[in-house]
């Protein structure tokens, strides 16, 4: 089987670090008390940050040699990563971690993050950096793909069986789609 897996929002808790970085770069905290449910993809703007501030945050992240490799993992990510690693090593499945992370050495930072969160210091995951997840699914002839962004799931669904990781920011307008929501990578498999 060929399996595709997004990283941020599925395995890595990007939002926790992004919120901290927004506050650090803008020098103001407009977010509600933590923890809070993120209800939209572009949530900083919904709390009063303007596009110039958000762009400055992204510029800061793109220059950071450690941002992507130091993200916290979601509860259950270790099990999910090891399940995918074992599917690759034991069953011969092809596993691709497809992420749109921008910035400094994102492929290497992502590989480091996956290795550190797998418990296997010798494992090197196959990481692809692309925002065009649909083309990746088609080119790789994926059988299954999981992502937390509805637009990515919709782009990949003509090419493989797709799954939307259940997150608070991706529930809007789902009644109009036949997307399969899952709570975990193991549920997808």
C-alpha atoms as a PDB file:
ATOM      1  CA  UNK A   1       0.000   0.000   0.000  1.00  0.00           C
ATOM      2  CA  UNK A   2       1.080   3.602  -0.629  1.00  0.00           C
ATOM      3  CA  UNK A   3       0.174   5.897   2.252  1.00  0.00           C
ATOM      4  CA  UNK A   4       0.406   9.682   2.427  1.00  0.00           C
ATOM      5  CA  UNK A   5       0.311  11.593   5.704  1.00  0.00           C
ATOM      6  CA  UNK A   6       0.352  15.308   6.409  1.00  0.00           C
ATOM      7  CA  UNK A   7       2.452  16.338   9.420  1.00  0.00           C
ATOM      8  CA  UNK A   8       1.126  19.571  10.975  1.00  0.00           C
ATOM      9  CA  UNK A   9      -2.367  19.175  12.364  1.00  0.00           C
ATOM     10  CA  UNK A  10      -2.147  15.385  12.087  1.00  0.00           C
ATOM     11  CA  UNK A  11       1.004  14.518  14.049  1.00  0.00           C
ATOM     12  CA  UNK A  12       2.611  17.833  15.061  1.00  0.00           C
ATOM     13  CA  UNK A  13       0.832  20.530  17.069  1.00  0.00           C
ATOM     14  CA  UNK A  14       1.778  23.480  14.872  1.00  0.00           C
ATOM     15  CA  UNK A  15      -0.806  25.811  16.408  1.00  0.00           C
ATOM     16  CA  UNK A  16       0.625  25.784  19.921  1.00  0.00           C
ATOM     17  CA  UNK A  17       4.010  26.985  18.648  1.00  0.00           C
ATOM     18  CA  UNK A  18       2.463  29.334  16.100  1.00  0.00           C
ATOM     19  CA  UNK A  19       0.444  31.121  18.791  1.00  0.00           C
ATOM     20  CA  UNK A  20       3.607  31.593  20.857  1.00  0.00           C
ATOM     21  CA  UNK A  21       5.440  32.925  17.794  1.00  0.00           C
ATOM     22  CA  UNK A  22       2.618  35.348  16.938  1.00  0.00           C
ATOM     23  CA  UNK A  23       2.811  36.799  20.447  1.00  0.00           C
ATOM     24  CA  UNK A  24       6.618  36.950  20.341  1.00  0.00           C
ATOM     25  CA  UNK A  25       6.832  38.677  16.954  1.00  0.00           C
ATOM     26  CA  UNK A  26       3.893  41.078  17.344  1.00  0.00           C
ATOM     27  CA  UNK A  27       4.601  41.756  21.017  1.00  0.00           C
ATOM     28  CA  UNK A  28       0.893  41.523  21.822  1.00  0.00           C
ATOM     29  CA  UNK A  29      -1.470  38.758  22.886  1.00  0.00           C
ATOM     30  CA  UNK A  30      -4.954  39.051  21.402  1.00  0.00           C
ATOM     31  CA  UNK A  31      -5.790  35.353  21.779  1.00  0.00           C
ATOM     32  CA  UNK A  32      -8.275  34.075  24.358  1.00  0.00           C
ATOM     33  CA  UNK A  33      -6.932  32.339  27.461  1.00  0.00           C
ATOM     34  CA  UNK A  34      -5.283  29.031  26.583  1.00  0.00           C
ATOM     35  CA  UNK A  35      -6.245  26.420  25.775  1.00  0.00           C
ATOM     36  CA  UNK A  36      -8.975  27.491  23.355  1.00  0.00           C
ATOM     37  CA  UNK A  37     -10.628  25.875  20.351  1.00  0.00           C
ATOM     38  CA  UNK A  38      -9.341  27.085  17.011  1.00  0.00           C
ATOM     39  CA  UNK A  39     -12.415  27.369  14.807  1.00  0.00           C
ATOM     40  CA  UNK A  40     -10.973  28.592  11.519  1.00  0.00           C
ATOM     41  CA  UNK A  41      -7.879  28.103   9.403  1.00  0.00           C
ATOM     42  CA  UNK A  42      -6.767  31.775   9.543  1.00  0.00           C
ATOM     43  CA  UNK A  43      -7.498  32.247  13.220  1.00  0.00           C
ATOM     44  CA  UNK A  44      -4.951  35.013  14.080  1.00  0.00           C
ATOM     45  CA  UNK A  45      -6.848  37.420  11.828  1.00  0.00           C
ATOM     46  CA  UNK A  46     -10.124  36.486  13.517  1.00  0.00           C
ATOM     47  CA  UNK A  47      -8.600  37.639  16.841  1.00  0.00           C
ATOM     48  CA  UNK A  48      -7.433  41.010  15.519  1.00  0.00           C
ATOM     49  CA  UNK A  49      -3.979  40.456  14.029  1.00  0.00           C
ATOM     50  CA  UNK A  50      -3.611  42.028  10.590  1.00  0.00           C
ATOM     51  CA  UNK A  51      -2.115  40.436   7.489  1.00  0.00           C
ATOM     52  CA  UNK A  52       1.131  42.413   7.857  1.00  0.00           C
ATOM     53  CA  UNK A  53       1.658  40.983  11.349  1.00  0.00           C
ATOM     54  CA  UNK A  54       0.868  37.435  10.238  1.00  0.00           C
ATOM     55  CA  UNK A  55       3.282  37.815   7.292  1.00  0.00           C
ATOM     56  CA  UNK A  56       5.991  38.981   9.705  1.00  0.00           C
ATOM     57  CA  UNK A  57       5.402  35.879  11.833  1.00  0.00           C
ATOM     58  CA  UNK A  58       5.740  33.637   8.776  1.00  0.00           C
ATOM     59  CA  UNK A  59       8.932  35.450   7.741  1.00  0.00           C
ATOM     60  CA  UNK A  60      10.335  34.808  11.226  1.00  0.00           C
ATOM     61  CA  UNK A  61       9.399  31.110  11.041  1.00  0.00           C
ATOM     62  CA  UNK A  62      10.980  30.757   7.582  1.00  0.00           C
ATOM     63  CA  UNK A  63      14.315  32.018   8.954  1.00  0.00           C
ATOM     64  CA  UNK A  64      14.259  29.781  12.035  1.00  0.00           C
ATOM     65  CA  UNK A  65      16.507  26.696  11.705  1.00  0.00           C
ATOM     66  CA  UNK A  66      14.677  24.926  14.564  1.00  0.00           C
ATOM     67  CA  UNK A  67      10.996  25.885  14.373  1.00  0.00           C
ATOM     68  CA  UNK A  68       9.744  22.809  12.503  1.00  0.00           C
ATOM     69  CA  UNK A  69      12.009  20.333  14.300  1.00  0.00           C
ATOM     70  CA  UNK A  70      10.910  21.540  17.740  1.00  0.00           C
ATOM     71  CA  UNK A  71       7.112  21.455  17.431  1.00  0.00           C
ATOM     72  CA  UNK A  72       5.272  19.525  20.126  1.00  0.00           C
ATOM     73  CA  UNK A  73       3.663  16.262  19.087  1.00  0.00           C
ATOM     74  CA  UNK A  74      -0.006  15.557  19.567  1.00  0.00           C
ATOM     75  CA  UNK A  75      -0.990  12.888  22.063  1.00  0.00           C
ATOM     76  CA  UNK A  76      -0.922   9.657  20.078  1.00  0.00           C
ATOM     77  CA  UNK A  77       1.569  10.921  17.491  1.00  0.00           C
ATOM     78  CA  UNK A  78       4.306   8.569  18.692  1.00  0.00           C
ATOM     79  CA  UNK A  79       1.996   5.585  18.169  1.00  0.00           C
ATOM     80  CA  UNK A  80       0.883   6.880  14.756  1.00  0.00           C
ATOM     81  CA  UNK A  81       4.441   7.488  13.542  1.00  0.00           C
ATOM     82  CA  UNK A  82       5.551   4.062  14.698  1.00  0.00           C
ATOM     83  CA  UNK A  83       2.556   2.395  13.116  1.00  0.00           C
ATOM     84  CA  UNK A  84       3.468   4.025   9.791  1.00  0.00           C
ATOM     85  CA  UNK A  85       7.159   3.182  10.266  1.00  0.00           C
ATOM     86  CA  UNK A  86       6.324  -0.458  10.973  1.00  0.00           C
ATOM     87  CA  UNK A  87       3.993  -0.628   7.961  1.00  0.00           C
ATOM     88  CA  UNK A  88       6.960   0.506   5.911  1.00  0.00           C
ATOM     89  CA  UNK A  89       9.612  -1.715   7.511  1.00  0.00           C
ATOM     90  CA  UNK A  90       7.579  -4.861   8.185  1.00  0.00           C
ATOM     91  CA  UNK A  91       4.844  -4.901   5.539  1.00  0.00           C
ATOM     92  CA  UNK A  92       6.683  -3.108   2.738  1.00  0.00           C
ATOM     93  CA  UNK A  93       4.194  -0.250   2.470  1.00  0.00           C
ATOM     94  CA  UNK A  94       5.439   3.012   0.995  1.00  0.00           C
ATOM     95  CA  UNK A  95       4.846   5.882   3.427  1.00  0.00           C
ATOM     96  CA  UNK A  96       5.185   9.514   2.389  1.00  0.00           C
ATOM     97  CA  UNK A  97       4.982  12.455   4.769  1.00  0.00           C
ATOM     98  CA  UNK A  98       3.736  15.324   2.612  1.00  0.00           C
ATOM     99  CA  UNK A  99       3.894  18.786   4.121  1.00  0.00           C
ATOM    100  CA  UNK A 100       3.726  22.377   2.874  1.00  0.00           C
ATOM    101  CA  UNK A 101       6.109  23.705   5.529  1.00  0.00           C
ATOM    102  CA  UNK A 102       8.022  26.747   4.258  1.00  0.00           C
ATOM    103  CA  UNK A 103      11.416  27.927   5.356  1.00  0.00           C
ATOM    104  CA  UNK A 104      14.910  26.932   6.247  1.00  0.00           C
ATOM    105  CA  UNK A 105      15.769  23.258   5.560  1.00  0.00           C
ATOM    106  CA  UNK A 106      12.171  22.177   6.151  1.00  0.00           C
ATOM    107  CA  UNK A 107      12.732  18.705   4.711  1.00  0.00           C
ATOM    108  CA  UNK A 108      15.623  18.033   7.087  1.00  0.00           C
ATOM    109  CA  UNK A 109      13.791  19.595  10.049  1.00  0.00           C
ATOM    110  CA  UNK A 110      10.758  17.403   9.319  1.00  0.00           C
ATOM    111  CA  UNK A 111      12.877  14.267   9.013  1.00  0.00           C
ATOM    112  CA  UNK A 112      14.553  15.121  12.323  1.00  0.00           C
ATOM    113  CA  UNK A 113      11.159  15.699  13.977  1.00  0.00           C
ATOM    114  CA  UNK A 114       9.779  12.394  12.698  1.00  0.00           C
ATOM    115  CA  UNK A 115      12.890  10.489  13.780  1.00  0.00           C
ATOM    116  CA  UNK A 116      12.829  12.073  17.242  1.00  0.00           C
ATOM    117  CA  UNK A 117       9.150  11.255  17.663  1.00  0.00           C
ATOM    118  CA  UNK A 118       9.499   7.678  16.424  1.00  0.00           C
ATOM    119  CA  UNK A 119      11.985   6.474  19.012  1.00  0.00           C
ATOM    120  CA  UNK A 120      14.123   4.971  16.216  1.00  0.00           C
ATOM    121  CA  UNK A 121      17.285   7.070  15.753  1.00  0.00           C
ATOM    122  CA  UNK A 122      18.193   5.182  12.553  1.00  0.00           C
ATOM    123  CA  UNK A 123      14.928   5.688  10.676  1.00  0.00           C
ATOM    124  CA  UNK A 124      14.704   8.204   7.854  1.00  0.00           C
ATOM    125  CA  UNK A 125      11.173   8.997   6.769  1.00  0.00           C
ATOM    126  CA  UNK A 126      10.352   9.923   3.193  1.00  0.00           C
ATOM    127  CA  UNK A 127       9.386  13.598   3.381  1.00  0.00           C
ATOM    128  CA  UNK A 128       8.051  15.649   0.488  1.00  0.00           C
ATOM    129  CA  UNK A 129       7.621  19.417   0.671  1.00  0.00           C
ATOM    130  CA  UNK A 130       4.674  20.539  -1.451  1.00  0.00           C
ATOM    131  CA  UNK A 131       1.528  22.591  -1.094  1.00  0.00           C
ATOM    132  CA  UNK A 132      -0.002  20.748  -4.062  1.00  0.00           C
ATOM    133  CA  UNK A 133      -1.122  17.637  -2.214  1.00  0.00           C
ATOM    134  CA  UNK A 134      -3.449  16.546  -5.048  1.00  0.00           C
ATOM    135  CA  UNK A 135      -0.610  16.358  -7.559  1.00  0.00           C
ATOM    136  CA  UNK A 136       1.525  14.476  -5.033  1.00  0.00           C
ATOM    137  CA  UNK A 137      -1.255  11.927  -4.444  1.00  0.00           C
ATOM    138  CA  UNK A 138      -1.642  11.439  -8.174  1.00  0.00           C
ATOM    139  CA  UNK A 139       2.082  11.224  -8.952  1.00  0.00           C
ATOM    140  CA  UNK A 140       2.754   8.815  -6.063  1.00  0.00           C
ATOM    141  CA  UNK A 141      -0.382   6.754  -6.842  1.00  0.00           C
ATOM    142  CA  UNK A 142      -1.335   6.859  -3.173  1.00  0.00           C
ATOM    143  CA  UNK A 143      -3.912   4.406  -1.863  1.00  0.00           C
ATOM    144  CA  UNK A 144      -4.663   6.425   1.297  1.00  0.00           C
ATOM    145  CA  UNK A 145      -4.033   9.991   2.415  1.00  0.00           C
ATOM    146  CA  UNK A 146      -4.751  11.863   5.665  1.00  0.00           C
ATOM    147  CA  UNK A 147      -4.681  15.632   6.249  1.00  0.00           C
ATOM    148  CA  UNK A 148      -6.262  18.157   8.611  1.00  0.00           C
ATOM    149  CA  UNK A 149      -7.028  20.705   5.889  1.00  0.00           C
ATOM    150  CA  UNK A 150     -10.276  20.136   4.018  1.00  0.00           C
ATOM    151  CA  UNK A 151      -8.941  21.718   0.810  1.00  0.00           C
ATOM    152  CA  UNK A 152      -6.050  19.242   0.723  1.00  0.00           C
ATOM    153  CA  UNK A 153      -8.370  16.310   1.295  1.00  0.00           C
ATOM    154  CA  UNK A 154     -10.667  17.500  -1.514  1.00  0.00           C
ATOM    155  CA  UNK A 155      -7.656  17.899  -3.839  1.00  0.00           C
ATOM    156  CA  UNK A 156      -6.450  14.354  -3.157  1.00  0.00           C
ATOM    157  CA  UNK A 157      -9.804  12.542  -3.122  1.00  0.00           C
ATOM    158  CA  UNK A 158     -10.025  12.011  -6.887  1.00  0.00           C
ATOM    159  CA  UNK A 159      -6.707  10.137  -6.708  1.00  0.00           C
ATOM    160  CA  UNK A 160      -6.983   7.986  -3.572  1.00  0.00           C
ATOM    161  CA  UNK A 161      -9.028   7.198  -0.496  1.00  0.00           C
ATOM    162  CA  UNK A 162      -8.814  10.301   1.684  1.00  0.00           C
ATOM    163  CA  UNK A 163      -9.382  11.042   5.340  1.00  0.00           C
ATOM    164  CA  UNK A 164      -9.794  14.288   7.239  1.00  0.00           C
ATOM    165  CA  UNK A 165      -8.167  14.362  10.674  1.00  0.00           C
ATOM    166  CA  UNK A 166     -10.858  15.573  13.052  1.00  0.00           C
ATOM    167  CA  UNK A 167      -9.825  19.011  14.300  1.00  0.00           C
ATOM    168  CA  UNK A 168     -11.876  21.967  15.524  1.00  0.00           C
ATOM    169  CA  UNK A 169     -10.753  24.191  12.620  1.00  0.00           C
ATOM    170  CA  UNK A 170     -12.049  21.900   9.893  1.00  0.00           C
ATOM    171  CA  UNK A 171     -15.694  21.299  10.834  1.00  0.00           C
ATOM    172  CA  UNK A 172     -17.323  24.155   8.869  1.00  0.00           C
ATOM    173  CA  UNK A 173     -19.229  23.195   5.698  1.00  0.00           C
ATOM    174  CA  UNK A 174     -18.619  19.480   6.123  1.00  0.00           C
ATOM    175  CA  UNK A 175     -22.299  18.687   5.773  1.00  0.00           C
ATOM    176  CA  UNK A 176     -21.868  19.361   2.032  1.00  0.00           C
ATOM    177  CA  UNK A 177     -19.123  16.770   1.573  1.00  0.00           C
ATOM    178  CA  UNK A 178     -18.796  13.028   1.854  1.00  0.00           C
ATOM    179  CA  UNK A 179     -15.416  13.248   3.576  1.00  0.00           C
ATOM    180  CA  UNK A 180     -14.459  10.533   6.035  1.00  0.00           C
ATOM    181  CA  UNK A 181     -13.405  12.076   9.357  1.00  0.00           C
ATOM    182  CA  UNK A 182     -11.060  10.100  11.594  1.00  0.00           C
ATOM    183  CA  UNK A 183      -9.666  10.591  15.079  1.00  0.00           C
ATOM    184  CA  UNK A 184      -6.305   8.968  14.389  1.00  0.00           C
ATOM    185  CA  UNK A 185      -3.933   7.560  11.797  1.00  0.00           C
ATOM    186  CA  UNK A 186      -4.689   4.038  13.013  1.00  0.00           C
ATOM    187  CA  UNK A 187      -8.397   4.653  12.371  1.00  0.00           C
ATOM    188  CA  UNK A 188      -7.498   5.588   8.774  1.00  0.00           C
ATOM    189  CA  UNK A 189      -5.531   2.374   8.342  1.00  0.00           C
END
